[in-house]
N, C-alpha and C. Protein backbone atom coordinates (compact mmCIF):
# COMPACT_ATOMS: atom_id res chain seq x y z
N MET A 1 189.58 157.69 -43.63
CA MET A 1 189.12 156.32 -43.67
C MET A 1 188.20 156.08 -44.87
N GLU A 2 187.55 157.14 -45.32
CA GLU A 2 186.64 157.01 -46.47
C GLU A 2 187.36 156.48 -47.70
N GLN A 3 188.55 157.02 -47.97
CA GLN A 3 189.31 156.56 -49.13
C GLN A 3 189.75 155.11 -48.97
N ALA A 4 190.09 154.71 -47.76
CA ALA A 4 190.51 153.33 -47.50
C ALA A 4 189.34 152.37 -47.76
N ILE A 5 188.16 152.74 -47.33
CA ILE A 5 186.97 151.90 -47.55
C ILE A 5 186.65 151.83 -49.04
N LEU A 6 186.68 152.97 -49.70
CA LEU A 6 186.39 153.00 -51.13
C LEU A 6 187.40 152.16 -51.91
N ALA A 7 188.66 152.22 -51.52
CA ALA A 7 189.69 151.41 -52.19
C ALA A 7 189.36 149.92 -52.06
N ALA A 8 188.93 149.51 -50.88
CA ALA A 8 188.57 148.10 -50.66
C ALA A 8 187.35 147.72 -51.49
N GLU A 9 186.36 148.59 -51.52
CA GLU A 9 185.15 148.31 -52.30
C GLU A 9 185.46 148.16 -53.79
N CYS A 10 186.45 148.90 -54.25
CA CYS A 10 186.83 148.85 -55.67
C CYS A 10 187.78 147.70 -55.98
N GLY A 11 188.20 146.95 -54.94
CA GLY A 11 189.05 145.78 -55.15
C GLY A 11 190.54 146.05 -55.18
N CYS A 12 190.98 147.20 -54.67
CA CYS A 12 192.42 147.48 -54.64
C CYS A 12 193.13 146.43 -53.79
N LEU A 13 194.33 146.07 -54.21
CA LEU A 13 195.12 145.10 -53.45
C LEU A 13 195.72 145.70 -52.20
N TYR A 14 196.19 146.95 -52.28
CA TYR A 14 196.84 147.61 -51.17
C TYR A 14 196.42 149.06 -51.08
N ILE A 15 196.48 149.58 -49.86
CA ILE A 15 196.53 151.03 -49.66
C ILE A 15 197.86 151.27 -48.94
N SER A 16 198.43 152.43 -49.12
CA SER A 16 199.71 152.75 -48.48
C SER A 16 199.61 154.07 -47.74
N PRO A 17 199.05 154.03 -46.53
CA PRO A 17 198.99 155.28 -45.75
C PRO A 17 200.40 155.75 -45.41
N VAL A 18 200.63 157.02 -45.60
CA VAL A 18 201.93 157.61 -45.28
C VAL A 18 201.87 158.02 -43.81
N VAL A 19 202.71 157.41 -42.99
CA VAL A 19 202.68 157.64 -41.55
C VAL A 19 203.14 159.06 -41.21
N HIS A 20 204.13 159.55 -41.91
CA HIS A 20 204.62 160.92 -41.74
C HIS A 20 204.58 161.63 -43.08
N GLU A 21 204.45 162.95 -43.03
CA GLU A 21 204.53 163.71 -44.26
C GLU A 21 205.88 163.43 -44.92
N LEU A 22 205.89 163.40 -46.24
CA LEU A 22 207.13 163.07 -46.95
C LEU A 22 208.27 164.04 -46.62
N LYS A 23 207.93 165.29 -46.36
CA LYS A 23 208.97 166.25 -46.02
C LYS A 23 209.73 165.79 -44.77
N ALA A 24 209.02 165.18 -43.83
CA ALA A 24 209.66 164.70 -42.60
C ALA A 24 210.62 163.55 -42.87
N VAL A 25 210.39 162.82 -43.94
CA VAL A 25 211.29 161.71 -44.30
C VAL A 25 212.63 162.24 -44.78
N PHE A 26 212.60 163.33 -45.52
CA PHE A 26 213.82 163.86 -46.12
C PHE A 26 214.49 164.95 -45.29
N ASP A 27 213.76 165.55 -44.38
CA ASP A 27 214.29 166.62 -43.54
C ASP A 27 214.05 166.24 -42.08
N GLN A 28 215.07 165.69 -41.42
CA GLN A 28 214.94 165.19 -40.05
C GLN A 28 214.56 166.28 -39.05
N SER A 29 214.79 167.54 -39.38
CA SER A 29 214.44 168.63 -38.47
C SER A 29 212.95 169.00 -38.56
N TRP A 30 212.28 168.52 -39.60
CA TRP A 30 210.86 168.83 -39.80
C TRP A 30 209.99 167.97 -38.89
N ASP A 31 209.10 168.61 -38.16
CA ASP A 31 208.17 167.89 -37.28
C ASP A 31 206.77 168.07 -37.86
N ASP A 32 206.18 166.96 -38.29
CA ASP A 32 204.86 167.05 -38.91
C ASP A 32 203.73 166.92 -37.88
N GLY A 33 204.06 166.98 -36.62
CA GLY A 33 203.02 166.96 -35.59
C GLY A 33 202.84 165.60 -34.95
N SER A 34 202.32 164.65 -35.72
CA SER A 34 202.14 163.32 -35.15
C SER A 34 202.04 162.29 -36.28
N ALA A 35 202.37 161.09 -35.91
CA ALA A 35 202.33 159.99 -36.88
C ALA A 35 200.89 159.57 -37.15
N ASN A 36 200.63 159.16 -38.37
CA ASN A 36 199.30 158.73 -38.78
C ASN A 36 199.18 157.21 -38.62
N LEU A 37 199.41 156.74 -37.41
CA LEU A 37 199.36 155.31 -37.14
C LEU A 37 197.93 154.80 -37.05
N ALA A 38 197.04 155.64 -36.53
CA ALA A 38 195.66 155.22 -36.29
C ALA A 38 194.96 154.77 -37.57
N LEU A 39 195.21 155.46 -38.69
CA LEU A 39 194.58 155.07 -39.95
C LEU A 39 195.01 153.67 -40.36
N CYS A 40 196.29 153.36 -40.19
CA CYS A 40 196.79 152.03 -40.54
C CYS A 40 196.05 150.95 -39.74
N VAL A 41 195.91 151.18 -38.46
CA VAL A 41 195.24 150.21 -37.58
C VAL A 41 193.76 150.11 -37.93
N GLU A 42 193.09 151.25 -38.05
CA GLU A 42 191.66 151.26 -38.33
C GLU A 42 191.34 150.57 -39.66
N ALA A 43 192.12 150.88 -40.69
CA ALA A 43 191.88 150.28 -42.00
C ALA A 43 192.11 148.77 -41.97
N GLN A 44 193.23 148.34 -41.37
CA GLN A 44 193.54 146.90 -41.30
C GLN A 44 192.42 146.15 -40.57
N GLN A 45 191.98 146.69 -39.44
CA GLN A 45 190.93 146.02 -38.67
C GLN A 45 189.61 146.01 -39.43
N TYR A 46 189.31 147.08 -40.14
CA TYR A 46 188.09 147.16 -40.94
C TYR A 46 188.12 146.10 -42.04
N TYR A 47 189.24 146.01 -42.74
CA TYR A 47 189.37 145.02 -43.81
C TYR A 47 189.21 143.60 -43.29
N GLU A 48 189.84 143.33 -42.17
CA GLU A 48 189.74 141.98 -41.59
C GLU A 48 188.31 141.69 -41.15
N HIS A 49 187.68 142.65 -40.50
CA HIS A 49 186.33 142.44 -39.96
C HIS A 49 185.31 142.17 -41.07
N TYR A 50 185.45 142.88 -42.19
CA TYR A 50 184.50 142.73 -43.30
C TYR A 50 185.04 141.88 -44.44
N SER A 51 186.11 141.16 -44.20
CA SER A 51 186.69 140.19 -45.14
C SER A 51 187.06 140.78 -46.49
N TYR A 52 187.58 141.99 -46.48
CA TYR A 52 188.11 142.56 -47.72
C TYR A 52 189.49 141.98 -47.97
N SER A 53 189.87 141.82 -49.22
CA SER A 53 191.21 141.30 -49.54
C SER A 53 192.25 142.42 -49.62
N THR A 54 191.83 143.67 -49.48
CA THR A 54 192.75 144.80 -49.51
C THR A 54 193.65 144.75 -48.28
N ASN A 55 194.93 145.08 -48.49
CA ASN A 55 195.92 145.07 -47.42
C ASN A 55 196.43 146.48 -47.15
N VAL A 56 196.97 146.67 -45.96
CA VAL A 56 197.57 147.95 -45.58
C VAL A 56 199.08 147.81 -45.63
N LYS A 57 199.73 148.73 -46.36
CA LYS A 57 201.19 148.79 -46.41
C LYS A 57 201.60 150.17 -45.92
N ALA A 58 201.95 150.26 -44.65
CA ALA A 58 202.32 151.54 -44.04
C ALA A 58 203.63 152.04 -44.63
N ALA A 59 203.72 153.33 -44.86
CA ALA A 59 204.91 153.92 -45.47
C ALA A 59 205.43 155.09 -44.63
N ALA A 60 206.72 155.36 -44.77
CA ALA A 60 207.38 156.53 -44.17
C ALA A 60 207.44 156.48 -42.65
N LEU A 61 207.83 155.33 -42.12
CA LEU A 61 208.06 155.21 -40.68
C LEU A 61 209.39 155.86 -40.33
N HIS A 62 209.49 156.35 -39.09
CA HIS A 62 210.71 157.03 -38.66
C HIS A 62 211.51 156.27 -37.62
N SER A 63 210.87 155.35 -36.89
CA SER A 63 211.58 154.80 -35.74
C SER A 63 211.24 153.33 -35.50
N VAL A 64 212.08 152.71 -34.70
CA VAL A 64 211.84 151.34 -34.28
C VAL A 64 210.53 151.27 -33.50
N THR A 65 210.28 152.27 -32.67
CA THR A 65 209.03 152.30 -31.89
C THR A 65 207.82 152.29 -32.81
N GLU A 66 207.84 153.08 -33.87
CA GLU A 66 206.71 153.08 -34.81
C GLU A 66 206.56 151.72 -35.48
N ALA A 67 207.66 151.09 -35.81
CA ALA A 67 207.59 149.75 -36.42
C ALA A 67 206.95 148.77 -35.45
N LYS A 68 207.31 148.85 -34.18
CA LYS A 68 206.71 147.98 -33.17
C LYS A 68 205.23 148.30 -32.98
N GLU A 69 204.90 149.58 -33.01
CA GLU A 69 203.49 149.98 -32.85
C GLU A 69 202.64 149.43 -33.99
N LEU A 70 203.23 149.27 -35.16
CA LEU A 70 202.49 148.76 -36.31
C LEU A 70 202.67 147.25 -36.51
N ALA A 71 203.23 146.58 -35.52
CA ALA A 71 203.33 145.12 -35.59
C ALA A 71 201.91 144.56 -35.66
N GLY A 72 201.60 143.94 -36.78
CA GLY A 72 200.24 143.44 -37.02
C GLY A 72 199.67 143.96 -38.33
N VAL A 73 200.24 145.05 -38.84
CA VAL A 73 199.81 145.56 -40.14
C VAL A 73 200.34 144.59 -41.21
N THR A 74 199.68 144.51 -42.36
CA THR A 74 200.07 143.55 -43.38
C THR A 74 201.52 143.72 -43.81
N SER A 75 201.93 144.96 -44.10
CA SER A 75 203.32 145.19 -44.50
C SER A 75 203.68 146.65 -44.28
N ILE A 76 204.98 146.92 -44.32
CA ILE A 76 205.48 148.29 -44.19
C ILE A 76 206.59 148.50 -45.22
N THR A 77 206.79 149.74 -45.58
CA THR A 77 207.98 150.09 -46.34
C THR A 77 208.94 150.74 -45.36
N VAL A 78 210.22 150.39 -45.47
CA VAL A 78 211.20 150.85 -44.50
C VAL A 78 212.41 151.41 -45.24
N ALA A 79 212.82 152.59 -44.83
CA ALA A 79 214.03 153.19 -45.40
C ALA A 79 215.25 152.37 -44.98
N PRO A 80 216.31 152.37 -45.78
CA PRO A 80 217.49 151.56 -45.47
C PRO A 80 218.07 151.81 -44.07
N ASP A 81 218.14 153.06 -43.63
CA ASP A 81 218.70 153.35 -42.31
C ASP A 81 217.86 152.72 -41.20
N LEU A 82 216.55 152.82 -41.32
CA LEU A 82 215.67 152.23 -40.31
C LEU A 82 215.75 150.71 -40.37
N LEU A 83 215.88 150.15 -41.56
CA LEU A 83 216.01 148.70 -41.68
C LEU A 83 217.28 148.20 -40.97
N ARG A 84 218.38 148.92 -41.14
CA ARG A 84 219.61 148.55 -40.44
C ARG A 84 219.43 148.64 -38.93
N THR A 85 218.75 149.70 -38.48
CA THR A 85 218.50 149.86 -37.04
C THR A 85 217.62 148.74 -36.52
N LEU A 86 216.57 148.40 -37.27
CA LEU A 86 215.70 147.29 -36.86
C LEU A 86 216.47 145.98 -36.79
N ALA A 87 217.32 145.74 -37.76
CA ALA A 87 218.09 144.50 -37.81
C ALA A 87 219.04 144.37 -36.62
N SER A 88 219.52 145.48 -36.11
CA SER A 88 220.48 145.43 -35.00
C SER A 88 219.82 145.65 -33.64
N THR A 89 218.50 145.77 -33.60
CA THR A 89 217.78 146.01 -32.35
C THR A 89 217.31 144.70 -31.75
N GLU A 90 217.74 144.46 -30.52
CA GLU A 90 217.27 143.27 -29.83
C GLU A 90 215.95 143.60 -29.16
N THR A 91 214.98 142.72 -29.32
CA THR A 91 213.66 142.94 -28.71
C THR A 91 213.01 141.59 -28.46
N THR A 92 212.05 141.59 -27.60
CA THR A 92 211.31 140.36 -27.31
C THR A 92 209.89 140.49 -27.83
N GLU A 93 209.24 139.37 -27.96
CA GLU A 93 207.85 139.37 -28.40
C GLU A 93 206.98 140.16 -27.41
N GLN A 94 207.31 140.08 -26.13
CA GLN A 94 206.56 140.82 -25.12
C GLN A 94 206.73 142.33 -25.31
N ASP A 95 207.93 142.77 -25.67
CA ASP A 95 208.16 144.19 -25.92
C ASP A 95 207.30 144.68 -27.08
N VAL A 96 207.26 143.88 -28.12
CA VAL A 96 206.46 144.24 -29.30
C VAL A 96 204.97 144.26 -28.93
N ASP A 97 204.52 143.24 -28.21
CA ASP A 97 203.11 143.17 -27.80
C ASP A 97 202.70 144.37 -26.97
N LYS A 98 203.60 144.84 -26.12
CA LYS A 98 203.29 146.01 -25.28
C LYS A 98 203.05 147.26 -26.13
N LEU A 99 203.82 147.40 -27.19
CA LEU A 99 203.73 148.60 -28.02
C LEU A 99 202.73 148.48 -29.18
N SER A 100 202.48 147.27 -29.65
CA SER A 100 201.64 147.10 -30.84
C SER A 100 200.24 147.66 -30.63
N LEU A 101 199.82 148.46 -31.58
CA LEU A 101 198.46 149.01 -31.56
C LEU A 101 197.44 147.97 -31.98
N PHE A 102 197.90 146.79 -32.39
CA PHE A 102 197.02 145.71 -32.81
C PHE A 102 196.76 144.70 -31.70
N THR A 103 197.41 144.86 -30.57
CA THR A 103 197.21 143.92 -29.48
C THR A 103 195.74 143.92 -29.08
N LYS A 104 195.13 142.75 -29.10
CA LYS A 104 193.69 142.63 -28.91
C LYS A 104 193.19 143.21 -27.60
N ASP A 105 193.95 143.08 -26.53
CA ASP A 105 193.45 143.58 -25.25
C ASP A 105 193.41 145.10 -25.17
N LYS A 106 193.98 145.79 -26.16
CA LYS A 106 193.92 147.25 -26.18
C LYS A 106 192.61 147.76 -26.79
N HIS A 107 191.80 146.87 -27.34
CA HIS A 107 190.55 147.25 -27.98
C HIS A 107 189.41 146.51 -27.31
N ALA A 108 188.32 147.21 -27.10
CA ALA A 108 187.15 146.57 -26.50
C ALA A 108 186.64 145.46 -27.41
N GLU A 109 186.31 144.32 -26.82
CA GLU A 109 185.89 143.16 -27.62
C GLU A 109 184.65 143.47 -28.45
N GLY A 110 183.72 144.23 -27.90
CA GLY A 110 182.49 144.56 -28.63
C GLY A 110 182.64 145.75 -29.55
N ASP A 111 183.82 146.33 -29.61
CA ASP A 111 184.07 147.54 -30.38
C ASP A 111 184.39 147.19 -31.83
N LYS A 112 183.35 146.89 -32.61
CA LYS A 112 183.53 146.52 -34.01
C LYS A 112 183.23 147.73 -34.89
N PRO A 113 183.98 147.90 -35.97
CA PRO A 113 183.75 149.06 -36.83
C PRO A 113 182.42 148.97 -37.56
N ALA A 114 181.72 150.09 -37.64
CA ALA A 114 180.46 150.14 -38.37
C ALA A 114 180.74 150.00 -39.86
N ARG A 115 179.90 149.26 -40.55
CA ARG A 115 180.06 149.07 -42.00
C ARG A 115 179.63 150.34 -42.70
N ARG A 116 180.51 150.84 -43.56
CA ARG A 116 180.19 152.02 -44.37
C ARG A 116 180.44 151.67 -45.83
N LEU A 117 179.55 152.08 -46.68
CA LEU A 117 179.69 151.81 -48.11
C LEU A 117 179.71 153.13 -48.87
N TYR A 118 180.61 153.23 -49.84
CA TYR A 118 180.75 154.47 -50.59
C TYR A 118 180.68 154.29 -52.10
N VAL A 119 180.99 153.11 -52.60
CA VAL A 119 181.13 152.95 -54.04
C VAL A 119 179.84 153.30 -54.79
N ASP A 120 178.70 153.04 -54.21
CA ASP A 120 177.43 153.38 -54.85
C ASP A 120 176.77 154.60 -54.22
N GLU A 121 177.52 155.31 -53.41
CA GLU A 121 176.99 156.47 -52.70
C GLU A 121 177.71 157.74 -53.16
N GLU A 122 177.43 158.14 -54.38
CA GLU A 122 178.12 159.30 -54.93
C GLU A 122 177.90 160.55 -54.08
N ALA A 123 176.72 160.72 -53.53
CA ALA A 123 176.43 161.90 -52.70
C ALA A 123 177.31 161.92 -51.46
N ALA A 124 177.54 160.75 -50.84
CA ALA A 124 178.37 160.68 -49.64
C ALA A 124 179.82 161.03 -49.97
N ILE A 125 180.31 160.54 -51.09
CA ILE A 125 181.68 160.85 -51.50
C ILE A 125 181.80 162.34 -51.83
N ASP A 126 180.82 162.87 -52.57
CA ASP A 126 180.85 164.30 -52.89
C ASP A 126 180.84 165.15 -51.63
N ALA A 127 180.03 164.77 -50.66
CA ALA A 127 179.95 165.52 -49.40
C ALA A 127 181.28 165.46 -48.67
N PHE A 128 181.91 164.29 -48.66
CA PHE A 128 183.21 164.14 -47.98
C PHE A 128 184.25 165.03 -48.64
N TYR A 129 184.36 164.98 -49.96
CA TYR A 129 185.37 165.78 -50.63
C TYR A 129 185.08 167.26 -50.57
N ASP A 130 183.80 167.63 -50.53
CA ASP A 130 183.44 169.04 -50.36
C ASP A 130 183.91 169.51 -48.98
N TYR A 131 183.71 168.69 -47.95
CA TYR A 131 184.17 169.01 -46.60
C TYR A 131 185.70 169.12 -46.57
N GLN A 132 186.38 168.15 -47.18
CA GLN A 132 187.84 168.16 -47.21
C GLN A 132 188.37 169.40 -47.91
N THR A 133 187.76 169.77 -49.03
CA THR A 133 188.18 170.94 -49.80
C THR A 133 188.01 172.21 -48.97
N ARG A 134 186.88 172.33 -48.29
CA ARG A 134 186.66 173.52 -47.44
C ARG A 134 187.69 173.56 -46.33
N ALA A 135 187.98 172.42 -45.71
CA ALA A 135 188.96 172.37 -44.61
C ALA A 135 190.35 172.77 -45.12
N GLU A 136 190.74 172.29 -46.31
CA GLU A 136 192.05 172.63 -46.87
C GLU A 136 192.13 174.11 -47.19
N LYS A 137 191.07 174.68 -47.74
CA LYS A 137 191.06 176.11 -48.05
C LYS A 137 191.18 176.93 -46.79
N THR A 138 190.51 176.50 -45.71
CA THR A 138 190.59 177.21 -44.43
C THR A 138 192.01 177.14 -43.89
N THR A 139 192.64 175.97 -43.98
CA THR A 139 194.02 175.80 -43.49
C THR A 139 194.98 176.65 -44.30
N LEU A 140 194.82 176.68 -45.62
CA LEU A 140 195.70 177.46 -46.48
C LEU A 140 195.55 178.96 -46.26
N ALA A 141 194.34 179.39 -45.88
CA ALA A 141 194.07 180.80 -45.70
C ALA A 141 194.73 181.35 -44.45
N ARG A 142 195.11 180.49 -43.51
CA ARG A 142 195.71 180.96 -42.24
C ARG A 142 197.05 181.51 -42.48
């Protein structure tokens, strides 16, 4: 989420969180564990709450269900096969509302994201990337 906030602070028009690892897009047998849907939702809600003009464009979706879960995100990129499947899928607004992670009743009304600023906080960014680097080295060492 730190990169998403920093992108908004710098005035980026879009961020494009990759919902699945790219390998999973090209190799259907590859399971990357879980979809990164939460970042799309958290970033979109953060931008709306703090009136940033940055938009979320989710990328690398695999299924109609994921598309419905992201109903409410600014935009998505869709592979041709999934687009054909979406076009031929009959659904109702109620079906989409049930699955959408943006449905308001799924979030506590008082649950507003805390404001975090990074653009002028070089130490906070350095600490974040130092943590990320250590985590990646630990994962690679396994």
